[in-house]
Amino acid sequence: MQARNRRKEVMATLKHQKTVYVKDLADSLEVSDMTIRRDLHRLADLGMVTLIHGGAVLNEGTATLDSVRARATRMSKEKSAIAARCAGLVKEGNAVYLDTGTTVMEIAEALKMRQNIVVLTHSLPICNILANSEKIQFISMPGIYNPTLKGFVGDMTCRMIRSFRIDIAFLGISSIDLDTGIMTPDFHDQAVKIALTERASRKVVACDHSKIGHVSFAQVCPLNAVDMIVTDKMADKDFLRRAERMGVEVVAVG
């Protein structure tokens, strides 16, 4: 069995049992204990499990945030379509803020050949994507590097954001709900997102359908505090209708 398929089997078992042990997995998948240990360490590096003596437990709950590497493999087709629609909102002369997150990274890819726009971000992967974009005025935020978010956060980041007036902020999110609005499991991410909602004239949430209807630990803002949600056609239709009734413009692509 290939490593990727084997790890899918391990995750399926974890989602059912919540806790797994090396010996049991090795026996059921007919591989060595060492192979299973490598698989569990890989999943731990991605933020999906926590290692325990002899096994691992599933990371779940409102304070859980998978690593960027883990999230980048999900919904890639949907994220590309969402990014293309978001990039189409940007006009020449706009000052655009790109949040952290894999969907927003796709927006950066869609914008990197544009010209006569200002792009601000605290995301290290987006810095790398836009590093050679000579016709974009590119501004990177300072801060303390957070390896899970793959971005710079903290008081320096928030103070720098508040020194600008932003035309459009594209928010990358982990959870969105009708009652609580935009949420994140990370306090540092919460602070940066709040600063963005204060300084952006237009706030656009870019998220695939898997983020809808989930809750996280810390609230960023109510749903009606954002101007637009760009998602994919698999998004829950009742959620989209109710969001529109709250005054949020909704676009489902794909």
Foldseek 3Di string as FASTA:
>chain_A
DDLVVLLVVVVVVQVVPQWDFLVVSCVVVVHDSVSVVVSVVVCVVQQQWADDVRTIGGDDDQLGDGAQVVQLVPPVVFLLFLLLVVLVVDDAQFEEEQEFHNSSLSVLLVCLQPARYEYEYFAPSSCVSNVPSVRYNYYYFAACADRRRNGHFDPSRLVVLLVDAGAEYEDEAQAAEQVQGTAHSDPRSLSNLLSVLVRYPAYEYEDEQVRYPDHHDGGNDHNLSHAEYEYAPVHDPVVVVVSVVSRHHYHHHD
